[in-house]
Protein backbone atom coordinates (compact mmCIF):
# COMPACT_ATOMS: atom_id res chain seq x y z
CA MET A 1 0.06 1.36 -30.70
CA HIS A 2 0.25 4.36 -33.15
CA ILE A 3 2.48 4.35 -36.23
CA PRO A 4 2.75 8.13 -37.64
CA PRO A 5 2.49 8.54 -41.36
CA TYR A 6 5.66 7.87 -43.23
CA ASP A 7 6.94 6.97 -46.72
CA ASN A 8 6.60 3.20 -46.60
CA ALA A 9 8.05 2.89 -50.12
CA ASN A 10 5.39 0.17 -51.02
CA THR A 11 6.73 -2.14 -48.23
CA PRO A 12 4.28 -3.47 -45.75
CA ILE A 13 3.40 -1.20 -42.69
CA VAL A 14 2.18 -4.44 -40.93
CA ASP A 15 3.96 -7.38 -42.22
CA ALA A 16 3.21 -11.07 -41.72
CA ASP A 17 3.55 -12.37 -38.31
CA ASP A 18 3.82 -8.91 -36.74
CA ALA A 19 4.35 -9.32 -33.09
CA ARG A 20 1.71 -6.84 -32.21
CA VAL A 21 -1.18 -7.89 -34.45
CA PRO A 22 -0.16 -11.25 -35.99
CA LEU A 23 -3.64 -11.86 -37.53
CA ASN A 24 -3.22 -8.72 -39.78
CA TYR A 25 -1.37 -7.54 -42.74
CA PHE A 26 -1.34 -3.94 -44.10
CA ASN A 27 0.45 -2.32 -46.92
CA ILE A 28 -0.07 1.11 -48.74
CA VAL A 29 1.02 1.04 -52.38
CA LYS A 30 1.54 4.34 -54.29
CA LEU A 31 1.78 4.10 -58.02
CA LYS A 32 2.05 6.46 -61.05
CA ALA A 33 0.45 5.89 -64.54
CA GLY A 34 1.94 2.65 -65.97
CA ASP A 35 3.55 1.49 -62.86
CA ALA A 36 3.03 -2.11 -61.71
CA PHE A 37 3.40 -3.78 -58.30
CA GLU A 38 3.25 -7.37 -57.67
CA TYR A 39 2.95 -9.18 -54.16
CA GLN A 40 2.39 -12.60 -52.54
CA VAL A 41 1.67 -13.17 -48.89
CA PRO A 42 1.99 -16.91 -47.89
CA GLY A 43 -0.59 -17.75 -45.10
CA TYR A 44 -2.55 -14.46 -45.46
CA GLU A 45 -5.73 -13.79 -47.62
CA THR A 46 -5.73 -10.15 -48.86
CA CYS A 47 -7.90 -7.49 -50.36
CA ILE A 48 -6.87 -4.81 -52.75
CA VAL A 49 -8.69 -1.48 -52.24
CA PRO A 50 -7.67 1.70 -54.07
CA ALA A 51 -7.94 4.72 -51.73
CA THR A 52 -7.68 6.89 -54.94
CA GLY A 53 -7.12 6.17 -58.48
CA THR A 54 -7.60 3.17 -60.75
CA VAL A 55 -5.72 0.00 -61.10
CA ASP A 56 -5.91 -3.26 -63.30
CA VAL A 57 -5.69 -6.27 -61.04
CA THR A 58 -4.64 -9.87 -62.00
CA VAL A 59 -4.72 -12.64 -59.41
CA GLU A 60 -3.04 -15.79 -60.64
CA GLY A 61 -4.01 -15.04 -64.19
CA VAL A 62 -7.49 -13.86 -63.47
CA GLY A 63 -8.17 -10.30 -64.45
CA PHE A 64 -10.16 -7.57 -62.82
CA ALA A 65 -10.07 -4.35 -64.96
CA ALA A 66 -10.38 -0.79 -63.83
CA LEU A 67 -10.68 -1.27 -60.10
CA GLY A 68 -11.28 1.93 -58.09
CA ASN A 69 -13.10 5.11 -59.18
CA ARG A 70 -12.12 7.68 -56.69
CA GLY A 71 -10.27 10.85 -57.42
CA VAL A 72 -8.98 13.42 -54.90
CA ASP A 73 -9.64 11.56 -51.66
CA VAL A 74 -11.57 8.69 -50.06
CA TRP A 75 -14.71 10.78 -49.85
CA ASP A 76 -14.74 11.07 -53.61
CA GLY A 77 -16.75 8.03 -54.59
CA GLU A 78 -17.53 4.62 -53.44
CA PRO A 79 -14.86 1.94 -52.53
CA GLU A 80 -14.04 -1.07 -54.52
CA GLY A 81 -12.01 -4.25 -53.84
CA VAL A 82 -10.51 -7.56 -55.16
CA TYR A 83 -10.25 -10.56 -52.77
CA VAL A 84 -6.94 -12.43 -53.23
CA PRO A 85 -6.64 -16.01 -51.79
CA SER A 86 -3.93 -16.92 -49.28
CA GLY A 87 -0.66 -17.00 -50.93
CA ALA A 88 -1.83 -16.15 -54.31
CA ARG A 89 0.31 -13.81 -56.60
CA ALA A 90 -1.38 -10.59 -57.39
CA GLN A 91 -0.43 -7.71 -59.62
CA MET A 92 -1.77 -4.26 -59.97
CA VAL A 93 -1.00 -1.88 -62.76
CA CYS A 94 -2.13 1.86 -62.38
CA VAL A 95 -4.19 3.00 -65.22
CA SER A 96 -4.95 6.45 -63.82
CA GLY A 97 -2.56 9.42 -63.45
CA GLN A 98 -1.71 8.03 -60.00
CA ALA A 99 -3.07 5.75 -57.43
CA GLU A 100 -2.83 5.13 -53.69
CA VAL A 101 -3.88 1.44 -52.90
CA PHE A 102 -4.63 -0.21 -49.60
CA VAL A 103 -3.69 -3.90 -49.26
CA ALA A 104 -5.55 -5.47 -46.29
CA GLY A 105 -4.89 -9.02 -44.98
CA ALA A 106 -5.66 -11.66 -42.40
CA ARG A 107 -3.95 -14.88 -41.45
CA TYR A 108 -5.80 -17.82 -43.12
CA ASP A 109 -4.57 -21.19 -44.33
CA GLY A 110 -7.38 -22.13 -46.57
CA VAL A 111 -7.28 -21.28 -50.30
CA LEU A 112 -10.47 -19.81 -51.91
CA GLU A 113 -11.30 -18.11 -55.23
CA PRO A 114 -10.44 -14.56 -56.24
CA PHE A 115 -13.40 -12.13 -56.82
CA ASP A 116 -14.07 -8.40 -57.05
CA VAL A 117 -16.44 -6.21 -55.18
CA ARG A 118 -17.53 -3.21 -57.22
CA ALA A 119 -19.34 -0.12 -55.83
CA ASP A 120 -22.84 -1.59 -56.34
CA GLY A 121 -21.87 -4.52 -54.18
CA ILE A 122 -20.90 -2.47 -51.01
CA ASP A 123 -22.85 -3.21 -47.94
CA LYS A 124 -23.72 0.11 -46.20
CA VAL A 125 -24.87 0.86 -42.66
CA GLN A 126 -25.51 4.15 -41.04
CA TYR A 127 -26.07 4.49 -37.14
CA GLY A 128 -25.87 6.80 -34.30
CA SER A 129 -27.03 10.48 -34.16
CA ASP A 130 -25.84 13.97 -33.91
CA ASP A 131 -27.44 14.19 -30.37
CA THR A 132 -25.33 11.40 -29.09
CA LYS A 133 -22.18 12.56 -30.95
CA THR A 134 -21.83 9.05 -32.42
CA HIS A 135 -23.16 9.60 -36.03
CA ARG A 136 -21.18 7.48 -38.55
CA LYS A 137 -21.40 5.43 -41.71
CA ILE A 138 -19.75 2.25 -42.50
CA LYS A 139 -19.10 0.68 -45.95
CA HIS A 140 -18.29 -2.86 -45.73
CA ILE A 141 -16.10 -4.05 -48.78
CA LEU A 142 -15.57 -7.60 -47.41
CA GLY A 143 -18.57 -7.87 -45.06
CA GLN A 144 -21.64 -9.96 -44.54
CA LYS A 145 -22.35 -10.17 -48.12
CA GLN A 146 -19.05 -12.08 -48.83
CA ARG A 147 -19.25 -14.24 -45.70
CA ASP A 148 -19.35 -17.62 -47.73
CA LYS A 149 -16.26 -16.53 -49.98
CA VAL A 150 -13.82 -15.35 -47.49
CA GLY A 151 -11.83 -17.10 -44.55
CA ARG A 152 -11.12 -14.76 -41.69
CA LEU A 153 -10.73 -11.27 -43.10
CA LEU A 154 -13.22 -8.32 -42.65
CA VAL A 155 -12.52 -5.04 -44.60
CA SER A 156 -14.49 -1.94 -44.10
CA GLU A 157 -14.45 1.88 -44.45
CA LEU A 158 -15.77 3.97 -41.49
CA PHE A 159 -16.86 7.68 -41.82
CA THR A 160 -17.93 10.11 -39.22
CA VAL A 161 -21.09 11.79 -40.36
CA GLY A 162 -20.72 15.57 -40.01
CA GLN A 163 -17.67 17.13 -38.35
CA GLY A 164 -16.30 15.96 -35.09
CA GLY A 165 -17.80 13.20 -32.83
CA TRP A 166 -16.98 9.76 -31.56
CA SER A 167 -16.55 6.31 -33.13
CA GLY A 168 -16.39 2.94 -31.66
CA PHE A 169 -18.49 3.86 -28.69
CA PRO A 170 -19.70 2.38 -26.39
CA SER A 171 -16.18 1.19 -25.89
CA HIS A 172 -15.54 -2.44 -26.81
CA LYS A 173 -12.76 -4.95 -27.16
CA HIS A 174 -12.31 -8.22 -29.05
CA ASP A 175 -8.89 -9.60 -27.90
CA THR A 176 -9.82 -12.98 -26.35
CA ASP A 177 -11.48 -16.00 -27.70
CA ARG A 178 -14.19 -16.90 -25.30
CA LEU A 179 -17.38 -17.54 -27.13
CA PRO A 180 -20.19 -16.71 -26.93
CA GLU A 181 -19.14 -13.47 -25.19
CA GLU A 182 -16.13 -12.51 -27.31
CA THR A 183 -13.83 -13.35 -30.24
CA ARG A 184 -10.12 -12.77 -30.78
CA HIS A 185 -9.88 -10.35 -33.84
CA ASP A 186 -6.78 -8.25 -34.40
CA GLU A 187 -7.49 -4.90 -35.74
CA THR A 188 -5.61 -2.29 -37.87
CA TYR A 189 -6.77 1.26 -38.85
CA ASN A 190 -5.50 3.74 -41.24
CA PHE A 191 -6.89 7.30 -40.77
CA ARG A 192 -7.75 10.17 -43.02
CA PHE A 193 -9.12 13.64 -42.29
CA ARG A 194 -10.94 16.29 -44.30
CA PRO A 195 -9.48 18.94 -44.43
CA SER A 196 -6.27 17.03 -44.21
CA HIS A 197 -4.83 19.14 -41.47
CA GLY A 198 -7.50 17.70 -39.17
CA SER A 199 -6.77 15.21 -36.44
CA GLY A 200 -8.27 13.20 -33.64
CA LEU A 201 -7.74 10.94 -30.78
CA GLN A 202 -7.42 7.10 -30.54
CA MET A 203 -7.97 5.72 -27.01
CA LEU A 204 -6.89 2.26 -25.89
CA GLN A 205 -8.04 1.33 -22.47
CA ARG A 206 -6.61 -1.94 -21.30
CA VAL A 207 -8.68 -2.54 -18.15
CA ASP A 208 -12.13 -1.26 -17.31
CA ASN A 209 -12.02 1.81 -15.06
CA GLU A 210 -8.23 2.14 -15.12
CA PRO A 211 -6.35 4.83 -17.08
CA GLY A 212 -5.24 3.70 -20.52
CA ASP A 213 -3.26 4.98 -23.53
CA ALA A 214 -4.25 7.90 -25.85
CA TYR A 215 -2.73 8.69 -29.30
CA HIS A 216 -2.90 11.75 -31.36
CA ILE A 217 -3.90 10.53 -34.75
CA VAL A 218 -3.41 12.64 -37.98
CA ASN A 219 -3.99 12.22 -41.64
CA GLY A 220 -2.32 8.83 -42.61
CA SER A 221 -1.86 7.54 -39.06
CA THR A 222 -2.03 3.75 -38.65
CA VAL A 223 -3.15 2.41 -35.37
CA LEU A 224 -2.71 -1.24 -34.33
CA ILE A 225 -5.33 -2.72 -31.80
CA ASP A 226 -3.79 -5.62 -29.92
CA ASN A 227 -5.96 -5.55 -26.83
CA GLY A 228 -8.14 -3.29 -24.89
CA TYR A 229 -11.24 -0.98 -25.39
CA HIS A 230 -10.71 1.34 -28.28
CA PRO A 231 -13.03 4.29 -29.05
CA CYS A 232 -11.79 7.18 -31.26
CA CYS A 233 -12.93 10.74 -32.03
CA ALA A 234 -12.39 13.56 -34.54
CA LEU A 235 -11.79 17.23 -33.55
CA PRO A 236 -14.80 19.51 -34.00
CA GLY A 237 -14.91 20.93 -37.57
CA TYR A 238 -13.22 17.90 -39.23
CA GLU A 239 -14.50 14.76 -40.90
CA MET A 240 -12.73 11.47 -40.06
CA TYR A 241 -12.26 8.28 -42.08
CA TYR A 242 -10.60 5.02 -41.25
CA PHE A 243 -9.80 2.01 -43.26
CA THR A 244 -10.30 -1.02 -41.15
CA ILE A 245 -8.84 -4.43 -41.17
CA LEU A 246 -10.13 -7.23 -38.86
CA GLY A 247 -8.65 -10.66 -38.80
CA GLY A 248 -10.19 -13.49 -36.67
CA LEU A 249 -8.33 -16.19 -34.83
CA SER A 250 -10.92 -18.92 -35.00
CA GLN A 251 -13.77 -17.46 -37.08
CA ARG A 252 -14.79 -14.64 -39.32
CA SER A 253 -17.67 -13.36 -37.49
CA LEU A 254 -16.78 -10.60 -34.85
CA VAL A 255 -18.16 -10.81 -31.40
CA GLN A 256 -17.47 -7.59 -29.51
CA TYR A 257 -17.46 -7.36 -25.81
CA PHE A 258 -18.65 -3.94 -24.59
CA GLN A 259 -16.86 -2.34 -21.69
CA PRO A 260 -19.04 -3.05 -18.57
CA THR A 261 -18.92 0.60 -17.37
CA HIS A 262 -20.34 1.93 -20.56
CA ALA A 263 -22.35 -1.00 -21.99
CA TYR A 264 -25.73 0.33 -21.08
CA GLN A 265 -25.31 3.12 -23.62
CA ILE A 266 -25.92 0.55 -26.27
CA GLU A 267 -29.54 1.37 -25.63
CA THR A 268 -29.01 5.10 -26.22
CA ILE A 269 -27.40 5.10 -29.67
CA PRO A 270 -29.82 4.59 -32.63
CA GLY A 271 -29.13 1.76 -34.96
CA ILE A 272 -25.97 0.39 -33.04
CA LYS A 273 -27.42 -3.19 -32.80
CA ASP A 274 -27.86 -3.30 -36.53
CA MET A 275 -24.27 -2.11 -36.97
CA VAL A 276 -22.80 -4.79 -34.77
CA ALA A 277 -24.76 -7.56 -36.60
CA LYS A 278 -23.12 -6.52 -39.91
CA PHE A 279 -19.56 -7.61 -38.82
CA LYS A 280 -20.12 -11.16 -39.76
């Protein structure tokens, strides 16, 4: 479903045990210089990612200074993150003029160790092409490089390359645990556009070859993917970004099931197999 942008007043947009995506947690925290914010989410591991601005983070007494290096928007520099173990108490303090911070989470009972991911530790992949209108770049914050340090959570930033085009195509889903064909991973997106008055479309087709749902997404839109095939696109002339949270039911590695009608197009999009292999 689509949640239009609103002032969430630093309260979760997707709280623990959400009926639609119970494996996910998502908050947007907005701070001014010197402001502090503290949170704790029992049963969920989380990741703190500044969209803009810089924060000092403390996780159960362990400090991570000066997290985040982006200025005006999410295109202005590389992402950084701090992993917060399930149920741990975390605090962030704004040390820039202001900051907007994403908090991503996934249900997980195990308790691991906190760590940070700086700009030089981001795992990047670019695939698709202008010809196929599928050109995009992915920056994994909690991706394959962190597979032995995280329980069920995958956190990434996805960018269209150029202006306009499709993402998440060929259409795929991951709403049922039936290995080796597919895993159950709830997914949550938050979209941004450049220029900010841009917009796009999120499709959600529940059944192959039957009409589904479509949502008009704008700057700040949140989309919850509970089930179904879910490609999205940006209008021509606009760049699109979406912050991506994946939480696995039984494992961290994502196994996508491509929509049978369109699955043959895997062979037409350059680099897509490498992209799929990175969600581990």
